[in-house]
């Protein structure tokens, strides 16, 4: 027969070994989960960067188009004011007060 202390010593070593094994498995599982989360976040960041670049291009294109349209409106307003002045020889409609004043 074995002494009880010897069995407990063996059992304690086995339990400690099992705990270390479980701990290593837990760490490995956590590391896999973290790597998966990091990959997912990196994909999302890449997608957001692409969207940001696309939106920046759209805004730049719209800024150019707005500047062009503003110049055209200004030119058309000047032309119309010249026509009104030349045609009537009087004050342009833009400078006259509305009839309800």
N, C-alpha and C. Protein backbone atom coordinates (compact mmCIF):
# COMPACT_ATOMS: atom_id res chain seq x y z
N UNK A 1 0.81 -1.19 0.00
CA UNK A 1 0.00 0.00 0.00
C UNK A 1 0.86 1.25 0.00
N UNK A 2 0.36 2.22 -0.69
CA UNK A 2 1.06 3.50 -0.73
C UNK A 2 0.59 4.39 0.40
N UNK A 3 1.48 5.20 0.88
CA UNK A 3 1.04 6.16 1.90
C UNK A 3 0.13 7.20 1.28
N UNK A 4 -0.76 7.75 2.05
CA UNK A 4 -1.72 8.75 1.59
C UNK A 4 -1.01 10.00 1.10
N UNK A 5 0.03 10.40 1.77
CA UNK A 5 0.77 11.61 1.39
C UNK A 5 1.35 11.47 -0.01
N UNK A 6 1.83 10.29 -0.34
CA UNK A 6 2.42 10.07 -1.66
C UNK A 6 1.34 10.19 -2.72
N UNK A 7 0.18 9.65 -2.48
CA UNK A 7 -0.90 9.75 -3.44
C UNK A 7 -1.34 11.20 -3.60
N UNK A 8 -1.44 11.92 -2.50
CA UNK A 8 -1.83 13.32 -2.58
C UNK A 8 -0.79 14.15 -3.33
N UNK A 9 0.48 13.85 -3.12
CA UNK A 9 1.53 14.56 -3.83
C UNK A 9 1.43 14.35 -5.32
N UNK A 10 1.21 13.13 -5.73
CA UNK A 10 1.05 12.81 -7.14
C UNK A 10 -0.20 13.48 -7.71
N UNK A 11 -1.25 13.43 -6.93
CA UNK A 11 -2.51 14.02 -7.35
C UNK A 11 -2.38 15.54 -7.48
N UNK A 12 -1.66 16.17 -6.55
CA UNK A 12 -1.47 17.61 -6.62
C UNK A 12 -0.66 18.01 -7.85
N UNK A 13 0.37 17.20 -8.17
CA UNK A 13 1.17 17.48 -9.36
C UNK A 13 0.31 17.33 -10.62
N UNK A 14 -0.54 16.33 -10.63
CA UNK A 14 -1.43 16.11 -11.77
C UNK A 14 -2.41 17.27 -11.91
N UNK A 15 -2.98 17.72 -10.80
CA UNK A 15 -3.91 18.85 -10.83
C UNK A 15 -3.20 20.12 -11.30
N UNK A 16 -1.99 20.35 -10.80
CA UNK A 16 -1.23 21.53 -11.20
C UNK A 16 -0.92 21.47 -12.69
N UNK A 17 -0.57 20.29 -13.18
CA UNK A 17 -0.29 20.11 -14.60
C UNK A 17 -1.54 20.35 -15.43
N UNK A 18 -2.66 19.87 -14.96
CA UNK A 18 -3.93 20.08 -15.67
C UNK A 18 -4.30 21.55 -15.70
N UNK A 19 -4.07 22.24 -14.57
CA UNK A 19 -4.37 23.67 -14.53
C UNK A 19 -3.50 24.44 -15.50
N UNK A 20 -2.22 24.08 -15.55
CA UNK A 20 -1.31 24.75 -16.50
C UNK A 20 -1.73 24.47 -17.93
N UNK A 21 -2.16 23.26 -18.20
CA UNK A 21 -2.63 22.91 -19.54
C UNK A 21 -3.88 23.69 -19.90
N UNK A 22 -4.81 23.78 -18.96
CA UNK A 22 -6.04 24.56 -19.19
C UNK A 22 -5.71 26.03 -19.38
N UNK A 23 -4.77 26.53 -18.62
CA UNK A 23 -4.38 27.92 -18.73
C UNK A 23 -3.78 28.21 -20.10
N UNK A 24 -2.95 27.30 -20.58
CA UNK A 24 -2.35 27.47 -21.91
C UNK A 24 -3.41 27.42 -22.99
N UNK A 25 -4.36 26.52 -22.84
CA UNK A 25 -5.46 26.44 -23.81
C UNK A 25 -6.29 27.71 -23.79
N UNK A 26 -6.55 28.21 -22.60
CA UNK A 26 -7.33 29.44 -22.47
C UNK A 26 -6.60 30.62 -23.11
N UNK A 27 -5.28 30.71 -22.86
CA UNK A 27 -4.50 31.78 -23.48
C UNK A 27 -4.51 31.68 -25.00
N UNK A 28 -4.38 30.47 -25.51
CA UNK A 28 -4.40 30.26 -26.96
C UNK A 28 -5.75 30.65 -27.55
N UNK A 29 -6.82 30.27 -26.87
CA UNK A 29 -8.16 30.62 -27.34
C UNK A 29 -8.37 32.13 -27.32
N UNK A 30 -7.91 32.78 -26.24
CA UNK A 30 -8.04 34.23 -26.16
C UNK A 30 -7.22 34.92 -27.24
N UNK A 31 -6.03 34.40 -27.50
CA UNK A 31 -5.18 35.00 -28.53
C UNK A 31 -5.82 34.84 -29.91
N UNK A 32 -6.40 33.68 -30.20
CA UNK A 32 -7.09 33.48 -31.47
C UNK A 32 -8.26 34.45 -31.61
N UNK A 33 -9.00 34.61 -30.52
CA UNK A 33 -10.15 35.52 -30.55
C UNK A 33 -9.69 36.96 -30.77
N UNK A 34 -8.61 37.36 -30.10
CA UNK A 34 -8.08 38.72 -30.27
C UNK A 34 -7.60 38.94 -31.69
N UNK A 35 -6.92 37.95 -32.26
CA UNK A 35 -6.44 38.07 -33.63
C UNK A 35 -7.60 38.22 -34.61
N UNK A 36 -8.66 37.46 -34.38
CA UNK A 36 -9.85 37.56 -35.22
C UNK A 36 -10.47 38.94 -35.11
N UNK A 37 -10.57 39.45 -33.89
CA UNK A 37 -11.14 40.79 -33.69
C UNK A 37 -10.28 41.86 -34.34
N UNK A 38 -8.97 41.71 -34.22
CA UNK A 38 -8.06 42.69 -34.82
C UNK A 38 -8.19 42.67 -36.34
N UNK A 39 -8.27 41.49 -36.93
CA UNK A 39 -8.44 41.38 -38.37
C UNK A 39 -9.74 42.03 -38.81
N UNK A 40 -10.81 41.79 -38.06
CA UNK A 40 -12.10 42.40 -38.37
C UNK A 40 -12.01 43.92 -38.30
N UNK A 41 -11.39 44.43 -37.28
CA UNK A 41 -11.23 45.88 -37.13
C UNK A 41 -10.37 46.47 -38.25
N UNK A 42 -9.31 45.76 -38.63
CA UNK A 42 -8.46 46.24 -39.72
C UNK A 42 -9.25 46.30 -41.02
N UNK A 43 -10.10 45.30 -41.27
CA UNK A 43 -10.94 45.31 -42.46
C UNK A 43 -11.90 46.50 -42.44
N UNK A 44 -12.49 46.76 -41.29
CA UNK A 44 -13.43 47.88 -41.17
C UNK A 44 -12.71 49.21 -41.38
N UNK A 45 -11.51 49.35 -40.83
CA UNK A 45 -10.74 50.58 -41.00
C UNK A 45 -10.39 50.78 -42.48
N UNK A 46 -9.98 49.72 -43.14
CA UNK A 46 -9.65 49.81 -44.57
C UNK A 46 -10.88 50.24 -45.37
N UNK A 47 -12.03 49.68 -45.04
CA UNK A 47 -13.27 50.04 -45.73
C UNK A 47 -13.61 51.52 -45.48
N UNK A 48 -13.48 51.96 -44.24
CA UNK A 48 -13.76 53.36 -43.92
C UNK A 48 -12.78 54.31 -44.59
N UNK A 49 -11.53 53.92 -44.71
CA UNK A 49 -10.55 54.76 -45.40
C UNK A 49 -10.92 54.89 -46.87
N UNK A 50 -11.34 53.79 -47.48
CA UNK A 50 -11.76 53.84 -48.89
C UNK A 50 -12.96 54.76 -49.06
N UNK A 51 -13.94 54.63 -48.17
CA UNK A 51 -15.12 55.50 -48.24
C UNK A 51 -14.74 56.97 -48.04
N UNK A 52 -13.83 57.22 -47.12
CA UNK A 52 -13.38 58.58 -46.86
C UNK A 52 -12.70 59.17 -48.09
N UNK A 53 -11.86 58.38 -48.75
CA UNK A 53 -11.19 58.85 -49.96
C UNK A 53 -12.20 59.13 -51.07
N UNK A 54 -13.19 58.25 -51.21
CA UNK A 54 -14.22 58.45 -52.23
C UNK A 54 -15.03 59.71 -51.96
N UNK A 55 -15.41 59.91 -50.70
CA UNK A 55 -16.17 61.11 -50.34
C UNK A 55 -15.35 62.37 -50.54
N UNK A 56 -14.07 62.30 -50.25
CA UNK A 56 -13.19 63.44 -50.46
C UNK A 56 -13.14 63.81 -51.94
N UNK A 57 -13.07 62.80 -52.80
CA UNK A 57 -13.07 63.05 -54.24
C UNK A 57 -14.39 63.70 -54.67
N UNK A 58 -15.50 63.22 -54.13
CA UNK A 58 -16.81 63.78 -54.48
C UNK A 58 -16.88 65.25 -54.05
N UNK A 59 -16.44 65.54 -52.83
CA UNK A 59 -16.47 66.91 -52.32
C UNK A 59 -15.59 67.82 -53.18
N UNK A 60 -14.42 67.36 -53.55
CA UNK A 60 -13.52 68.17 -54.38
C UNK A 60 -14.15 68.45 -55.74
N UNK A 61 -14.78 67.43 -56.33
CA UNK A 61 -15.46 67.60 -57.62
C UNK A 61 -16.63 68.58 -57.49
N UNK A 62 -17.38 68.47 -56.42
CA UNK A 62 -18.51 69.38 -56.21
C UNK A 62 -18.04 70.81 -55.98
N UNK A 63 -16.93 70.97 -55.28
CA UNK A 63 -16.39 72.30 -55.04
C UNK A 63 -16.03 72.98 -56.36
N UNK A 64 -15.41 72.23 -57.25
CA UNK A 64 -15.05 72.77 -58.57
C UNK A 64 -16.31 73.12 -59.36
N UNK A 65 -17.29 72.24 -59.32
CA UNK A 65 -18.53 72.48 -60.05
C UNK A 65 -19.29 73.68 -59.49
N UNK A 66 -19.33 73.83 -58.18
CA UNK A 66 -20.00 74.98 -57.56
C UNK A 66 -19.32 76.28 -57.94
N UNK A 67 -17.99 76.28 -57.95
CA UNK A 67 -17.25 77.49 -58.33
C UNK A 67 -17.57 77.86 -59.78
N UNK A 68 -17.61 76.87 -60.67
CA UNK A 68 -17.94 77.13 -62.07
C UNK A 68 -19.36 77.67 -62.20
N UNK A 69 -20.31 77.05 -61.51
CA UNK A 69 -21.70 77.49 -61.60
C UNK A 69 -21.88 78.89 -61.00
N UNK A 70 -21.16 79.20 -59.94
CA UNK A 70 -21.24 80.54 -59.35
C UNK A 70 -20.75 81.60 -60.34
N UNK A 71 -19.64 81.29 -61.02
CA UNK A 71 -19.15 82.24 -62.04
C UNK A 71 -20.15 82.42 -63.16
N UNK A 72 -20.79 81.33 -63.58
CA UNK A 72 -21.79 81.42 -64.66
C UNK A 72 -23.00 82.25 -64.22
N UNK A 73 -23.47 82.04 -63.00
CA UNK A 73 -24.62 82.82 -62.51
C UNK A 73 -24.25 84.30 -62.45
N UNK A 74 -23.06 84.61 -61.95
CA UNK A 74 -22.61 86.01 -61.89
C UNK A 74 -22.56 86.62 -63.29
N UNK A 75 -22.04 85.88 -64.25
CA UNK A 75 -21.96 86.37 -65.63
C UNK A 75 -23.36 86.60 -66.19
N UNK A 76 -24.28 85.67 -65.95
CA UNK A 76 -25.64 85.82 -66.45
C UNK A 76 -26.35 87.01 -65.80
N UNK A 77 -26.11 87.24 -64.51
CA UNK A 77 -26.72 88.39 -63.85
C UNK A 77 -26.19 89.70 -64.45
N UNK A 78 -24.88 89.75 -64.72
CA UNK A 78 -24.33 90.97 -65.34
C UNK A 78 -24.90 91.18 -66.73
N UNK A 79 -25.00 90.10 -67.52
CA UNK A 79 -25.57 90.21 -68.87
C UNK A 79 -27.00 90.73 -68.82
N UNK A 80 -27.79 90.16 -67.94
CA UNK A 80 -29.19 90.57 -67.84
C UNK A 80 -29.30 92.03 -67.40
N UNK A 81 -28.46 92.44 -66.48
CA UNK A 81 -28.48 93.84 -66.05
C UNK A 81 -28.10 94.75 -67.21
N UNK A 82 -27.14 94.36 -68.01
CA UNK A 82 -26.75 95.16 -69.19
C UNK A 82 -27.89 95.22 -70.19
N UNK A 83 -28.58 94.11 -70.44
CA UNK A 83 -29.70 94.09 -71.37
C UNK A 83 -30.82 95.02 -70.90
N UNK A 84 -31.12 94.96 -69.63
CA UNK A 84 -32.18 95.81 -69.10
C UNK A 84 -31.81 97.28 -69.25
N UNK A 85 -30.57 97.60 -68.98
CA UNK A 85 -30.12 98.99 -69.09
C UNK A 85 -30.13 99.45 -70.55
N UNK A 86 -29.66 98.60 -71.44
CA UNK A 86 -29.61 98.95 -72.87
C UNK A 86 -31.00 99.03 -73.47
N UNK A 87 -31.89 98.13 -73.13
CA UNK A 87 -33.21 98.06 -73.73
C UNK A 87 -34.11 99.21 -73.27
N UNK A 88 -34.11 99.49 -72.02
CA UNK A 88 -35.05 100.48 -71.51
C UNK A 88 -34.40 101.84 -71.35
N UNK A 89 -33.11 101.86 -71.22
CA UNK A 89 -32.44 103.13 -70.98
C UNK A 89 -32.78 103.69 -69.62
N UNK A 90 -33.34 102.85 -68.78
CA UNK A 90 -33.76 103.30 -67.45
C UNK A 90 -33.05 102.46 -66.39
N UNK A 91 -33.59 102.53 -65.21
CA UNK A 91 -33.01 101.78 -64.10
C UNK A 91 -33.32 100.28 -64.30
N UNK A 92 -32.34 99.44 -64.04
CA UNK A 92 -32.55 98.00 -64.22
C UNK A 92 -33.55 97.49 -63.20
N UNK A 93 -34.23 96.42 -63.56
CA UNK A 93 -35.23 95.83 -62.66
C UNK A 93 -34.61 95.38 -61.34
N UNK A 94 -33.38 94.96 -61.37
CA UNK A 94 -32.72 94.51 -60.15
C UNK A 94 -32.56 95.66 -59.16
N UNK A 95 -32.45 96.89 -59.65
CA UNK A 95 -32.27 98.04 -58.78
C UNK A 95 -33.58 98.72 -58.42
N UNK A 96 -34.68 98.35 -59.05
CA UNK A 96 -35.97 98.97 -58.75
C UNK A 96 -36.61 98.29 -57.55
N UNK A 97 -37.42 99.07 -56.83
CA UNK A 97 -38.17 98.51 -55.72
C UNK A 97 -39.37 97.76 -56.27
N UNK A 98 -39.76 96.68 -55.61
CA UNK A 98 -40.94 95.94 -56.06
C UNK A 98 -42.18 96.83 -55.97
N UNK A 99 -43.20 96.54 -56.77
CA UNK A 99 -44.40 97.39 -56.80
C UNK A 99 -45.17 97.45 -55.48
N UNK A 100 -45.01 96.50 -54.62
CA UNK A 100 -45.76 96.50 -53.37
C UNK A 100 -45.12 97.39 -52.30
N UNK A 101 -43.99 98.05 -52.58
CA UNK A 101 -43.35 98.93 -51.60
C UNK A 101 -43.93 100.29 -51.65
